[in-house]
Amino acid sequence: MATGRPYTVQVIHKKNRFFCHISFALEDTKEVDRSSKMGGIDLNPQVISVTIVHPNGNYLASRNFPCPDLPYVSHEKRLHIIGNLCREIAEWLKKQGVTQVALEDPPLKRS
């Protein structure tokens, strides 16, 4: 916070206790390797779509990772599902020889 970069603070009151979550964007320190394949991840509540493109930008492969229960399960179950999805996506990208990924920064609505 001393750097002056923007940050987000979320105060949560739960079971007579207060929790404070402070988050900020990490700065990218790696340059994009334009000679390697790139993976792109599109986040949606019930499916995560992953696409791989050649260095010249042409389509190479795509795969959907369904997660239909994600919006409806408890917080603990949601974390479990997300962890498994992340592992599955990372394994698939690794098998495809992808070492870099672009991820959207969606505006998520909290309920």
PDB file of N, CA and C in Angstrom:
ATOM      1  N   MET A   1       0.820  -1.183   0.000  1.00  0.00           N
ATOM      2  CA  MET A   1       0.000   0.000   0.000  1.00  0.00           C
ATOM      3  C   MET A   1       0.868   1.252   0.000  1.00  0.00           C
ATOM      4  N   ALA A   2       2.090   1.142   0.504  1.00  0.00           N
ATOM      5  CA  ALA A   2       2.990   2.288   0.548  1.00  0.00           C
ATOM      6  C   ALA A   2       3.422   2.733  -0.847  1.00  0.00           C
ATOM      7  N   THR A   3       3.264   1.847  -1.845  1.00  0.00           N
ATOM      8  CA  THR A   3       3.663   2.193  -3.205  1.00  0.00           C
ATOM      9  C   THR A   3       2.690   3.154  -3.867  1.00  0.00           C
ATOM     10  N   GLY A   4       1.486   3.271  -3.312  1.00  0.00           N
ATOM     11  CA  GLY A   4       0.491   4.142  -3.903  1.00  0.00           C
ATOM     12  C   GLY A   4      -0.341   3.465  -4.981  1.00  0.00           C
ATOM     13  N   ARG A   5      -0.096   2.171  -5.222  1.00  0.00           N
ATOM     14  CA  ARG A   5      -0.890   1.441  -6.220  1.00  0.00           C
ATOM     15  C   ARG A   5      -2.308   1.232  -5.689  1.00  0.00           C
ATOM     16  N   PRO A   6      -3.301   1.136  -6.589  1.00  0.00           N
ATOM     17  CA  PRO A   6      -4.678   0.934  -6.136  1.00  0.00           C
ATOM     18  C   PRO A   6      -4.855  -0.426  -5.467  1.00  0.00           C
ATOM     19  N   TYR A   7      -5.781  -0.477  -4.523  1.00  0.00           N
ATOM     20  CA  TYR A   7      -6.088  -1.724  -3.842  1.00  0.00           C
ATOM     21  C   TYR A   7      -7.567  -1.742  -3.481  1.00  0.00           C
ATOM     22  N   THR A   8      -8.057  -2.932  -3.132  1.00  0.00           N
ATOM     23  CA  THR A   8      -9.449  -3.106  -2.759  1.00  0.00           C
ATOM     24  C   THR A   8      -9.509  -3.639  -1.339  1.00  0.00           C
ATOM     25  N   VAL A   9     -10.404  -3.089  -0.548  1.00  0.00           N
ATOM     26  CA  VAL A   9     -10.596  -3.551   0.821  1.00  0.00           C
ATOM     27  C   VAL A   9     -12.033  -4.035   0.947  1.00  0.00           C
ATOM     28  N   GLN A  10     -12.182  -5.236   1.502  1.00  0.00           N
ATOM     29  CA  GLN A  10     -13.513  -5.792   1.728  1.00  0.00           C
ATOM     30  C   GLN A  10     -13.607  -6.159   3.207  1.00  0.00           C
ATOM     31  N   VAL A  11     -14.569  -5.579   3.903  1.00  0.00           N
ATOM     32  CA  VAL A  11     -14.790  -5.882   5.316  1.00  0.00           C
ATOM     33  C   VAL A  11     -15.999  -6.803   5.411  1.00  0.00           C
ATOM     34  N   ILE A  12     -15.819  -7.931   6.096  1.00  0.00           N
ATOM     35  CA  ILE A  12     -16.871  -8.939   6.198  1.00  0.00           C
ATOM     36  C   ILE A  12     -17.207  -9.157   7.673  1.00  0.00           C
ATOM     37  N   HIS A  13     -18.486  -9.104   7.992  1.00  0.00           N
ATOM     38  CA  HIS A  13     -18.941  -9.399   9.347  1.00  0.00           C
ATOM     39  C   HIS A  13     -19.595 -10.774   9.322  1.00  0.00           C
ATOM     40  N   LYS A  14     -19.005 -11.707  10.091  1.00  0.00           N
ATOM     41  CA  LYS A  14     -19.490 -13.082  10.066  1.00  0.00           C
ATOM     42  C   LYS A  14     -19.358 -13.681  11.461  1.00  0.00           C
ATOM     43  N   LYS A  15     -20.454 -14.169  11.983  1.00  0.00           N
ATOM     44  CA  LYS A  15     -20.474 -14.822  13.298  1.00  0.00           C
ATOM     45  C   LYS A  15     -19.848 -13.946  14.380  1.00  0.00           C
ATOM     46  N   ASN A  16     -20.303 -12.703  14.456  1.00  0.00           N
ATOM     47  CA  ASN A  16     -19.836 -11.737  15.447  1.00  0.00           C
ATOM     48  C   ASN A  16     -18.341 -11.431  15.365  1.00  0.00           C
ATOM     49  N   ARG A  17     -17.754 -11.629  14.202  1.00  0.00           N
ATOM     50  CA  ARG A  17     -16.346 -11.304  13.980  1.00  0.00           C
ATOM     51  C   ARG A  17     -16.236 -10.490  12.698  1.00  0.00           C
ATOM     52  N   PHE A  18     -15.213  -9.674  12.606  1.00  0.00           N
ATOM     53  CA  PHE A  18     -14.938  -8.914  11.408  1.00  0.00           C
ATOM     54  C   PHE A  18     -13.687  -9.453  10.738  1.00  0.00           C
ATOM     55  N   PHE A  19     -13.752  -9.585   9.421  1.00  0.00           N
ATOM     56  CA  PHE A  19     -12.613 -10.024   8.627  1.00  0.00           C
ATOM     57  C   PHE A  19     -12.345  -8.944   7.588  1.00  0.00           C
ATOM     58  N   CYS A  20     -11.097  -8.708   7.302  1.00  0.00           N
ATOM     59  CA  CYS A  20     -10.718  -7.695   6.328  1.00  0.00           C
ATOM     60  C   CYS A  20      -9.873  -8.355   5.244  1.00  0.00           C
ATOM     61  N   HIS A  21     -10.331  -8.263   4.002  1.00  0.00           N
ATOM     62  CA  HIS A  21      -9.594  -8.792   2.862  1.00  0.00           C
ATOM     63  C   HIS A  21      -9.051  -7.606   2.073  1.00  0.00           C
ATOM     64  N   ILE A  22      -7.743  -7.569   1.918  1.00  0.00           N
ATOM     65  CA  ILE A  22      -7.102  -6.514   1.130  1.00  0.00           C
ATOM     66  C   ILE A  22      -6.468  -7.176  -0.082  1.00  0.00           C
ATOM     67  N   SER A  23      -6.784  -6.662  -1.265  1.00  0.00           N
ATOM     68  CA  SER A  23      -6.220  -7.251  -2.477  1.00  0.00           C
ATOM     69  C   SER A  23      -5.731  -6.165  -3.408  1.00  0.00           C
ATOM     70  N   PHE A  24      -4.745  -6.522  -4.218  1.00  0.00           N
ATOM     71  CA  PHE A  24      -4.211  -5.615  -5.223  1.00  0.00           C
ATOM     72  C   PHE A  24      -3.649  -6.443  -6.356  1.00  0.00           C
ATOM     73  N   ALA A  25      -3.595  -5.866  -7.527  1.00  0.00           N
ATOM     74  CA  ALA A  25      -3.098  -6.575  -8.704  1.00  0.00           C
ATOM     75  C   ALA A  25      -1.584  -6.687  -8.625  1.00  0.00           C
ATOM     76  N   LEU A  26      -1.082  -7.865  -8.938  1.00  0.00           N
ATOM     77  CA  LEU A  26       0.355  -8.060  -9.009  1.00  0.00           C
ATOM     78  C   LEU A  26       0.846  -7.574 -10.356  1.00  0.00           C
ATOM     79  N   GLU A  27       1.992  -6.990 -10.366  1.00  0.00           N
ATOM     80  CA  GLU A  27       2.541  -6.515 -11.624  1.00  0.00           C
ATOM     81  C   GLU A  27       3.163  -7.680 -12.384  1.00  0.00           C
ATOM     82  N   ASP A  28       2.915  -7.731 -13.686  1.00  0.00           N
ATOM     83  CA  ASP A  28       3.528  -8.763 -14.517  1.00  0.00           C
ATOM     84  C   ASP A  28       5.005  -8.441 -14.672  1.00  0.00           C
ATOM     85  N   THR A  29       5.838  -9.438 -14.405  1.00  0.00           N
ATOM     86  CA  THR A  29       7.275  -9.214 -14.536  1.00  0.00           C
ATOM     87  C   THR A  29       7.845  -9.964 -15.731  1.00  0.00           C
ATOM     88  N   LYS A  30       7.040 -10.821 -16.333  1.00  0.00           N
ATOM     89  CA  LYS A  30       7.518 -11.583 -17.485  1.00  0.00           C
ATOM     90  C   LYS A  30       6.960 -10.993 -18.770  1.00  0.00           C
ATOM     91  N   GLU A  31       7.811 -10.943 -19.747  1.00  0.00           N
ATOM     92  CA  GLU A  31       7.386 -10.529 -21.080  1.00  0.00           C
ATOM     93  C   GLU A  31       6.668 -11.691 -21.759  1.00  0.00           C
ATOM     94  N   VAL A  32       5.734 -11.389 -22.634  1.00  0.00           N
ATOM     95  CA  VAL A  32       5.059 -12.425 -23.404  1.00  0.00           C
ATOM     96  C   VAL A  32       6.043 -12.991 -24.414  1.00  0.00           C
ATOM     97  N   ASP A  33       6.142 -14.307 -24.461  1.00  0.00           N
ATOM     98  CA  ASP A  33       7.011 -14.974 -25.433  1.00  0.00           C
ATOM     99  C   ASP A  33       6.213 -15.134 -26.723  1.00  0.00           C
ATOM    100  N   ARG A  34       6.464 -14.282 -27.673  1.00  0.00           N
ATOM    101  CA  ARG A  34       5.695 -14.281 -28.924  1.00  0.00           C
ATOM    102  C   ARG A  34       6.096 -15.405 -29.872  1.00  0.00           C
ATOM    103  N   SER A  35       7.056 -16.234 -29.462  1.00  0.00           N
ATOM    104  CA  SER A  35       7.451 -17.380 -30.291  1.00  0.00           C
ATOM    105  C   SER A  35       6.836 -18.672 -29.769  1.00  0.00           C
ATOM    106  N   SER A  36       6.036 -18.583 -28.704  1.00  0.00           N
ATOM    107  CA  SER A  36       5.412 -19.764 -28.100  1.00  0.00           C
ATOM    108  C   SER A  36       3.899 -19.685 -28.177  1.00  0.00           C
ATOM    109  N   LYS A  37       3.270 -20.834 -28.031  1.00  0.00           N
ATOM    110  CA  LYS A  37       1.808 -20.898 -27.983  1.00  0.00           C
ATOM    111  C   LYS A  37       1.302 -20.115 -26.773  1.00  0.00           C
ATOM    112  N   MET A  38       0.066 -19.650 -26.879  1.00  0.00           N
ATOM    113  CA  MET A  38      -0.562 -18.907 -25.790  1.00  0.00           C
ATOM    114  C   MET A  38      -1.916 -19.534 -25.482  1.00  0.00           C
ATOM    115  N   GLY A  39      -2.185 -19.729 -24.204  1.00  0.00           N
ATOM    116  CA  GLY A  39      -3.488 -20.202 -23.768  1.00  0.00           C
ATOM    117  C   GLY A  39      -4.316 -19.019 -23.307  1.00  0.00           C
ATOM    118  N   GLY A  40      -5.596 -19.048 -23.587  1.00  0.00           N
ATOM    119  CA  GLY A  40      -6.515 -18.005 -23.135  1.00  0.00           C
ATOM    120  C   GLY A  40      -7.644 -18.645 -22.345  1.00  0.00           C
ATOM    121  N   ILE A  41      -7.971 -18.081 -21.196  1.00  0.00           N
ATOM    122  CA  ILE A  41      -8.996 -18.666 -20.333  1.00  0.00           C
ATOM    123  C   ILE A  41     -10.149 -17.676 -20.184  1.00  0.00           C
ATOM    124  N   ASP A  42     -11.368 -18.146 -20.503  1.00  0.00           N
ATOM    125  CA  ASP A  42     -12.590 -17.352 -20.386  1.00  0.00           C
ATOM    126  C   ASP A  42     -13.396 -17.925 -19.232  1.00  0.00           C
ATOM    127  N   LEU A  43     -13.629 -17.115 -18.205  1.00  0.00           N
ATOM    128  CA  LEU A  43     -14.335 -17.568 -17.010  1.00  0.00           C
ATOM    129  C   LEU A  43     -15.812 -17.233 -17.082  1.00  0.00           C
ATOM    130  N   ASN A  44     -16.634 -18.244 -16.876  1.00  0.00           N
ATOM    131  CA  ASN A  44     -18.082 -18.087 -16.808  1.00  0.00           C
ATOM    132  C   ASN A  44     -18.573 -18.900 -15.624  1.00  0.00           C
ATOM    133  N   PRO A  45     -19.735 -18.576 -15.054  1.00  0.00           N
ATOM    134  CA  PRO A  45     -20.172 -19.270 -13.844  1.00  0.00           C
ATOM    135  C   PRO A  45     -20.329 -20.784 -13.983  1.00  0.00           C
ATOM    136  N   GLN A  46     -20.701 -21.273 -15.166  1.00  0.00           N
ATOM    137  CA  GLN A  46     -20.963 -22.702 -15.290  1.00  0.00           C
ATOM    138  C   GLN A  46     -20.050 -23.429 -16.262  1.00  0.00           C
ATOM    139  N   VAL A  47     -19.113 -22.709 -16.879  1.00  0.00           N
ATOM    140  CA  VAL A  47     -18.146 -23.347 -17.772  1.00  0.00           C
ATOM    141  C   VAL A  47     -16.915 -22.450 -17.888  1.00  0.00           C
ATOM    142  N   ILE A  48     -15.757 -23.083 -17.914  1.00  0.00           N
ATOM    143  CA  ILE A  48     -14.511 -22.363 -18.162  1.00  0.00           C
ATOM    144  C   ILE A  48     -14.022 -22.828 -19.525  1.00  0.00           C
ATOM    145  N   SER A  49     -13.836 -21.884 -20.431  1.00  0.00           N
ATOM    146  CA  SER A  49     -13.390 -22.200 -21.786  1.00  0.00           C
ATOM    147  C   SER A  49     -11.924 -21.841 -21.923  1.00  0.00           C
ATOM    148  N   VAL A  50     -11.154 -22.774 -22.478  1.00  0.00           N
ATOM    149  CA  VAL A  50      -9.721 -22.558 -22.662  1.00  0.00           C
ATOM    150  C   VAL A  50      -9.403 -22.740 -24.140  1.00  0.00           C
ATOM    151  N   THR A  51      -8.707 -21.777 -24.713  1.00  0.00           N
ATOM    152  CA  THR A  51      -8.323 -21.822 -26.121  1.00  0.00           C
ATOM    153  C   THR A  51      -6.822 -21.631 -26.224  1.00  0.00           C
ATOM    154  N   ILE A  52      -6.226 -22.346 -27.165  1.00  0.00           N
ATOM    155  CA  ILE A  52      -4.789 -22.234 -27.412  1.00  0.00           C
ATOM    156  C   ILE A  52      -4.606 -21.710 -28.830  1.00  0.00           C
ATOM    157  N   VAL A  53      -3.686 -20.748 -28.978  1.00  0.00           N
ATOM    158  CA  VAL A  53      -3.387 -20.201 -30.297  1.00  0.00           C
ATOM    159  C   VAL A  53      -1.896 -20.351 -30.589  1.00  0.00           C
ATOM    160  N   HIS A  54      -1.601 -20.456 -31.889  1.00  0.00           N
ATOM    161  CA  HIS A  54      -0.216 -20.475 -32.354  1.00  0.00           C
ATOM    162  C   HIS A  54       0.420 -19.107 -32.093  1.00  0.00           C
ATOM    163  N   PRO A  55       1.738 -19.030 -32.163  1.00  0.00           N
ATOM    164  CA  PRO A  55       2.399 -17.735 -31.996  1.00  0.00           C
ATOM    165  C   PRO A  55       1.913 -16.672 -32.985  1.00  0.00           C
ATOM    166  N   ASN A  56       1.449 -17.099 -34.170  1.00  0.00           N
ATOM    167  CA  ASN A  56       0.955 -16.122 -35.146  1.00  0.00           C
ATOM    168  C   ASN A  56      -0.505 -15.728 -34.890  1.00  0.00           C
ATOM    169  N   GLY A  57      -1.113 -16.271 -33.834  1.00  0.00           N
ATOM    170  CA  GLY A  57      -2.480 -15.918 -33.467  1.00  0.00           C
ATOM    171  C   GLY A  57      -3.549 -16.831 -34.014  1.00  0.00           C
ATOM    172  N   ASN A  58      -3.176 -17.802 -34.856  1.00  0.00           N
ATOM    173  CA  ASN A  58      -4.167 -18.721 -35.413  1.00  0.00           C
ATOM    174  C   ASN A  58      -4.587 -19.762 -34.383  1.00  0.00           C
ATOM    175  N   TYR A  59      -5.853 -20.134 -34.449  1.00  0.00           N
ATOM    176  CA  TYR A  59      -6.444 -21.117 -33.545  1.00  0.00           C
ATOM    177  C   TYR A  59      -5.712 -22.451 -33.621  1.00  0.00           C
ATOM    178  N   LEU A  60      -5.476 -23.063 -32.458  1.00  0.00           N
ATOM    179  CA  LEU A  60      -4.857 -24.382 -32.404  1.00  0.00           C
ATOM    180  C   LEU A  60      -5.790 -25.412 -31.768  1.00  0.00           C
ATOM    181  N   ALA A  61      -6.314 -25.114 -30.588  1.00  0.00           N
ATOM    182  CA  ALA A  61      -7.180 -26.069 -29.884  1.00  0.00           C
ATOM    183  C   ALA A  61      -8.046 -25.313 -28.882  1.00  0.00           C
ATOM    184  N   SER A  62      -9.118 -25.986 -28.459  1.00  0.00           N
ATOM    185  CA  SER A  62     -10.012 -25.397 -27.469  1.00  0.00           C
ATOM    186  C   SER A  62     -10.664 -26.507 -26.671  1.00  0.00           C
ATOM    187  N   ARG A  63     -10.997 -26.197 -25.442  1.00  0.00           N
ATOM    188  CA  ARG A  63     -11.676 -27.182 -24.601  1.00  0.00           C
ATOM    189  C   ARG A  63     -12.511 -26.456 -23.554  1.00  0.00           C
ATOM    190  N   ASN A  64     -13.690 -26.996 -23.274  1.00  0.00           N
ATOM    191  CA  ASN A  64     -14.565 -26.467 -22.232  1.00  0.00           C
ATOM    192  C   ASN A  64     -14.461 -27.346 -20.992  1.00  0.00           C
ATOM    193  N   PHE A  65     -14.445 -26.708 -19.839  1.00  0.00           N
ATOM    194  CA  PHE A  65     -14.407 -27.405 -18.558  1.00  0.00           C
ATOM    195  C   PHE A  65     -15.677 -27.034 -17.810  1.00  0.00           C
ATOM    196  N   PRO A  66     -16.709 -27.899 -17.887  1.00  0.00           N
ATOM    197  CA  PRO A  66     -17.992 -27.557 -17.269  1.00  0.00           C
ATOM    198  C   PRO A  66     -17.923 -27.579 -15.745  1.00  0.00           C
ATOM    199  N   CYS A  67     -18.652 -26.662 -15.148  1.00  0.00           N
ATOM    200  CA  CYS A  67     -18.778 -26.604 -13.685  1.00  0.00           C
ATOM    201  C   CYS A  67     -20.191 -26.119 -13.356  1.00  0.00           C
ATOM    202  N   PRO A  68     -21.221 -26.909 -13.725  1.00  0.00           N
ATOM    203  CA  PRO A  68     -22.606 -26.449 -13.602  1.00  0.00           C
ATOM    204  C   PRO A  68     -23.062 -26.194 -12.171  1.00  0.00           C
ATOM    205  N   ASP A  69     -22.448 -26.858 -11.191  1.00  0.00           N
ATOM    206  CA  ASP A  69     -22.881 -26.697  -9.806  1.00  0.00           C
ATOM    207  C   ASP A  69     -22.223 -25.510  -9.104  1.00  0.00           C
ATOM    208  N   LEU A  70     -21.212 -24.945  -9.694  1.00  0.00           N
ATOM    209  CA  LEU A  70     -20.402 -23.922  -9.032  1.00  0.00           C
ATOM    210  C   LEU A  70     -21.206 -22.778  -8.406  1.00  0.00           C
ATOM    211  N   PRO A  71     -22.190 -22.209  -9.107  1.00  0.00           N
ATOM    212  CA  PRO A  71     -22.910 -21.081  -8.497  1.00  0.00           C
ATOM    213  C   PRO A  71     -23.841 -21.476  -7.350  1.00  0.00           C
ATOM    214  N   TYR A  72     -24.094 -22.760  -7.167  1.00  0.00           N
ATOM    215  CA  TYR A  72     -25.144 -23.184  -6.243  1.00  0.00           C
ATOM    216  C   TYR A  72     -24.649 -23.915  -5.000  1.00  0.00           C
ATOM    217  N   VAL A  73     -23.369 -24.221  -4.920  1.00  0.00           N
ATOM    218  CA  VAL A  73     -22.864 -25.012  -3.793  1.00  0.00           C
ATOM    219  C   VAL A  73     -22.318 -24.103  -2.693  1.00  0.00           C
ATOM    220  N   SER A  74     -22.041 -24.704  -1.540  1.00  0.00           N
ATOM    221  CA  SER A  74     -21.491 -23.944  -0.416  1.00  0.00           C
ATOM    222  C   SER A  74     -20.088 -23.442  -0.736  1.00  0.00           C
ATOM    223  N   HIS A  75     -19.620 -22.498   0.059  1.00  0.00           N
ATOM    224  CA  HIS A  75     -18.294 -21.899  -0.147  1.00  0.00           C
ATOM    225  C   HIS A  75     -17.197 -22.963  -0.132  1.00  0.00           C
ATOM    226  N   GLU A  76     -17.247 -23.876   0.829  1.00  0.00           N
ATOM    227  CA  GLU A  76     -16.224 -24.911   0.938  1.00  0.00           C
ATOM    228  C   GLU A  76     -16.226 -25.827  -0.283  1.00  0.00           C
ATOM    229  N   LYS A  77     -17.396 -26.225  -0.723  1.00  0.00           N
ATOM    230  CA  LYS A  77     -17.517 -27.082  -1.899  1.00  0.00           C
ATOM    231  C   LYS A  77     -17.047 -26.335  -3.147  1.00  0.00           C
ATOM    232  N   ARG A  78     -17.371 -25.040  -3.226  1.00  0.00           N
ATOM    233  CA  ARG A  78     -16.951 -24.219  -4.360  1.00  0.00           C
ATOM    234  C   ARG A  78     -15.425 -24.174  -4.451  1.00  0.00           C
ATOM    235  N   LEU A  79     -14.752 -23.983  -3.318  1.00  0.00           N
ATOM    236  CA  LEU A  79     -13.286 -23.965  -3.314  1.00  0.00           C
ATOM    237  C   LEU A  79     -12.718 -25.299  -3.789  1.00  0.00           C
ATOM    238  N   HIS A  80     -13.343 -26.388  -3.390  1.00  0.00           N
ATOM    239  CA  HIS A  80     -12.911 -27.723  -3.817  1.00  0.00           C
ATOM    240  C   HIS A  80     -13.063 -27.886  -5.335  1.00  0.00           C
ATOM    241  N   ILE A  81     -14.216 -27.479  -5.857  1.00  0.00           N
ATOM    242  CA  ILE A  81     -14.478 -27.580  -7.301  1.00  0.00           C
ATOM    243  C   ILE A  81     -13.478 -26.724  -8.075  1.00  0.00           C
ATOM    244  N   ILE A  82     -13.254 -25.491  -7.623  1.00  0.00           N
ATOM    245  CA  ILE A  82     -12.325 -24.592  -8.311  1.00  0.00           C
ATOM    246  C   ILE A  82     -10.914 -25.160  -8.299  1.00  0.00           C
ATOM    247  N   GLY A  83     -10.487 -25.707  -7.168  1.00  0.00           N
ATOM    248  CA  GLY A  83      -9.157 -26.309  -7.089  1.00  0.00           C
ATOM    249  C   GLY A  83      -8.987 -27.449  -8.074  1.00  0.00           C
ATOM    250  N   ASN A  84      -9.997 -28.310  -8.169  1.00  0.00           N
ATOM    251  CA  ASN A  84      -9.943 -29.427  -9.120  1.00  0.00           C
ATOM    252  C   ASN A  84      -9.943 -28.936 -10.564  1.00  0.00           C
ATOM    253  N   LEU A  85     -10.748 -27.904 -10.861  1.00  0.00           N
ATOM    254  CA  LEU A  85     -10.774 -27.336 -12.214  1.00  0.00           C
ATOM    255  C   LEU A  85      -9.416 -26.740 -12.579  1.00  0.00           C
ATOM    256  N   CYS A  86      -8.817 -26.018 -11.655  1.00  0.00           N
ATOM    257  CA  CYS A  86      -7.500 -25.416 -11.920  1.00  0.00           C
ATOM    258  C   CYS A  86      -6.466 -26.493 -12.231  1.00  0.00           C
ATOM    259  N   ARG A  87      -6.476 -27.560 -11.472  1.00  0.00           N
ATOM    260  CA  ARG A  87      -5.533 -28.662 -11.706  1.00  0.00           C
ATOM    261  C   ARG A  87      -5.782 -29.298 -13.075  1.00  0.00           C
ATOM    262  N   GLU A  88      -7.040 -29.547 -13.389  1.00  0.00           N
ATOM    263  CA  GLU A  88      -7.386 -30.173 -14.667  1.00  0.00           C
ATOM    264  C   GLU A  88      -6.988 -29.284 -15.850  1.00  0.00           C
ATOM    265  N   ILE A  89      -7.250 -27.990 -15.742  1.00  0.00           N
ATOM    266  CA  ILE A  89      -6.889 -27.052 -16.812  1.00  0.00           C
ATOM    267  C   ILE A  89      -5.374 -26.977 -16.964  1.00  0.00           C
ATOM    268  N   ALA A  90      -4.657 -26.871 -15.838  1.00  0.00           N
ATOM    269  CA  ALA A  90      -3.190 -26.788 -15.893  1.00  0.00           C
ATOM    270  C   ALA A  90      -2.593 -28.044 -16.518  1.00  0.00           C
ATOM    271  N   GLU A  91      -3.117 -29.208 -16.172  1.00  0.00           N
ATOM    272  CA  GLU A  91      -2.611 -30.457 -16.752  1.00  0.00           C
ATOM    273  C   GLU A  91      -2.854 -30.501 -18.253  1.00  0.00           C
ATOM    274  N   TRP A  92      -4.039 -30.072 -18.696  1.00  0.00           N
ATOM    275  CA  TRP A  92      -4.342 -30.080 -20.127  1.00  0.00           C
ATOM    276  C   TRP A  92      -3.426 -29.121 -20.879  1.00  0.00           C
ATOM    277  N   LEU A  93      -3.249 -27.914 -20.339  1.00  0.00           N
ATOM    278  CA  LEU A  93      -2.367 -26.945 -20.993  1.00  0.00           C
ATOM    279  C   LEU A  93      -0.924 -27.456 -21.056  1.00  0.00           C
ATOM    280  N   LYS A  94      -0.481 -28.092 -20.001  1.00  0.00           N
ATOM    281  CA  LYS A  94       0.882 -28.625 -19.971  1.00  0.00           C
ATOM    282  C   LYS A  94       1.055 -29.714 -21.035  1.00  0.00           C
ATOM    283  N   LYS A  95       0.057 -30.583 -21.182  1.00  0.00           N
ATOM    284  CA  LYS A  95       0.115 -31.635 -22.213  1.00  0.00           C
ATOM    285  C   LYS A  95       0.158 -31.037 -23.615  1.00  0.00           C
ATOM    286  N   GLN A  96      -0.444 -29.845 -23.774  1.00  0.00           N
ATOM    287  CA  GLN A  96      -0.452 -29.169 -25.074  1.00  0.00           C
ATOM    288  C   GLN A  96       0.829 -28.370 -25.313  1.00  0.00           C
ATOM    289  N   GLY A  97       1.725 -28.333 -24.319  1.00  0.00           N
ATOM    290  CA  GLY A  97       2.974 -27.595 -24.452  1.00  0.00           C
ATOM    291  C   GLY A  97       2.832 -26.097 -24.248  1.00  0.00           C
ATOM    292  N   VAL A  98       1.785 -25.676 -23.551  1.00  0.00           N
ATOM    293  CA  VAL A  98       1.545 -24.252 -23.308  1.00  0.00           C
ATOM    294  C   VAL A  98       2.226 -23.853 -21.992  1.00  0.00           C
ATOM    295  N   THR A  99       3.015 -22.783 -22.054  1.00  0.00           N
ATOM    296  CA  THR A  99       3.717 -22.301 -20.859  1.00  0.00           C
ATOM    297  C   THR A  99       3.307 -20.900 -20.458  1.00  0.00           C
ATOM    298  N   GLN A 100       2.380 -20.289 -21.189  1.00  0.00           N
ATOM    299  CA  GLN A 100       1.905 -18.945 -20.847  1.00  0.00           C
ATOM    300  C   GLN A 100       0.410 -18.857 -21.105  1.00  0.00           C
ATOM    301  N   VAL A 101      -0.266 -18.080 -20.259  1.00  0.00           N
ATOM    302  CA  VAL A 101      -1.719 -18.012 -20.313  1.00  0.00           C
ATOM    303  C   VAL A 101      -2.173 -16.570 -20.115  1.00  0.00           C
ATOM    304  N   ALA A 102      -3.180 -16.172 -20.878  1.00  0.00           N
ATOM    305  CA  ALA A 102      -3.853 -14.889 -20.680  1.00  0.00           C
ATOM    306  C   ALA A 102      -5.184 -15.180 -20.001  1.00  0.00           C
ATOM    307  N   LEU A 103      -5.455 -14.460 -18.929  1.00  0.00           N
ATOM    308  CA  LEU A 103      -6.660 -14.687 -18.146  1.00  0.00           C
ATOM    309  C   LEU A 103      -7.443 -13.393 -18.060  1.00  0.00           C
ATOM    310  N   GLU A 104      -8.745 -13.476 -18.340  1.00  0.00           N
ATOM    311  CA  GLU A 104      -9.565 -12.272 -18.245  1.00  0.00           C
ATOM    312  C   GLU A 104      -9.717 -11.865 -16.788  1.00  0.00           C
ATOM    313  N   ASP A 105     -10.025 -10.632 -16.566  1.00  0.00           N
ATOM    314  CA  ASP A 105     -10.261 -10.099 -15.231  1.00  0.00           C
ATOM    315  C   ASP A 105     -11.730  -9.707 -15.154  1.00  0.00           C
ATOM    316  N   PRO A 106     -12.622 -10.693 -14.900  1.00  0.00           N
ATOM    317  CA  PRO A 106     -14.048 -10.402 -14.969  1.00  0.00           C
ATOM    318  C   PRO A 106     -14.529  -9.635 -13.739  1.00  0.00           C
ATOM    319  N   PRO A 107     -15.497  -8.750 -13.928  1.00  0.00           N
ATOM    320  CA  PRO A 107     -16.109  -8.088 -12.784  1.00  0.00           C
ATOM    321  C   PRO A 107     -17.099  -9.063 -12.145  1.00  0.00           C
ATOM    322  N   LEU A 108     -16.739  -9.655 -11.025  1.00  0.00           N
ATOM    323  CA  LEU A 108     -17.589 -10.658 -10.392  1.00  0.00           C
ATOM    324  C   LEU A 108     -18.566  -9.993  -9.431  1.00  0.00           C
ATOM    325  N   LYS A 109     -19.809 -10.431  -9.495  1.00  0.00           N
ATOM    326  CA  LYS A 109     -20.839  -9.919  -8.609  1.00  0.00           C
ATOM    327  C   LYS A 109     -20.943 -10.872  -7.426  1.00  0.00           C
ATOM    328  N   ARG A 110     -20.772 -10.348  -6.233  1.00  0.00           N
ATOM    329  CA  ARG A 110     -20.857 -11.158  -5.020  1.00  0.00           C
ATOM    330  C   ARG A 110     -22.300 -11.168  -4.536  1.00  0.00           C
ATOM    331  N   SER A 111     -22.721 -12.365  -4.094  1.00  0.00           N
ATOM    332  CA  SER A 111     -24.083 -12.463  -3.571  1.00  0.00           C
ATOM    333  C   SER A 111     -24.071 -12.742  -2.101  1.00  0.00           C
TER     334      SER A 111
END
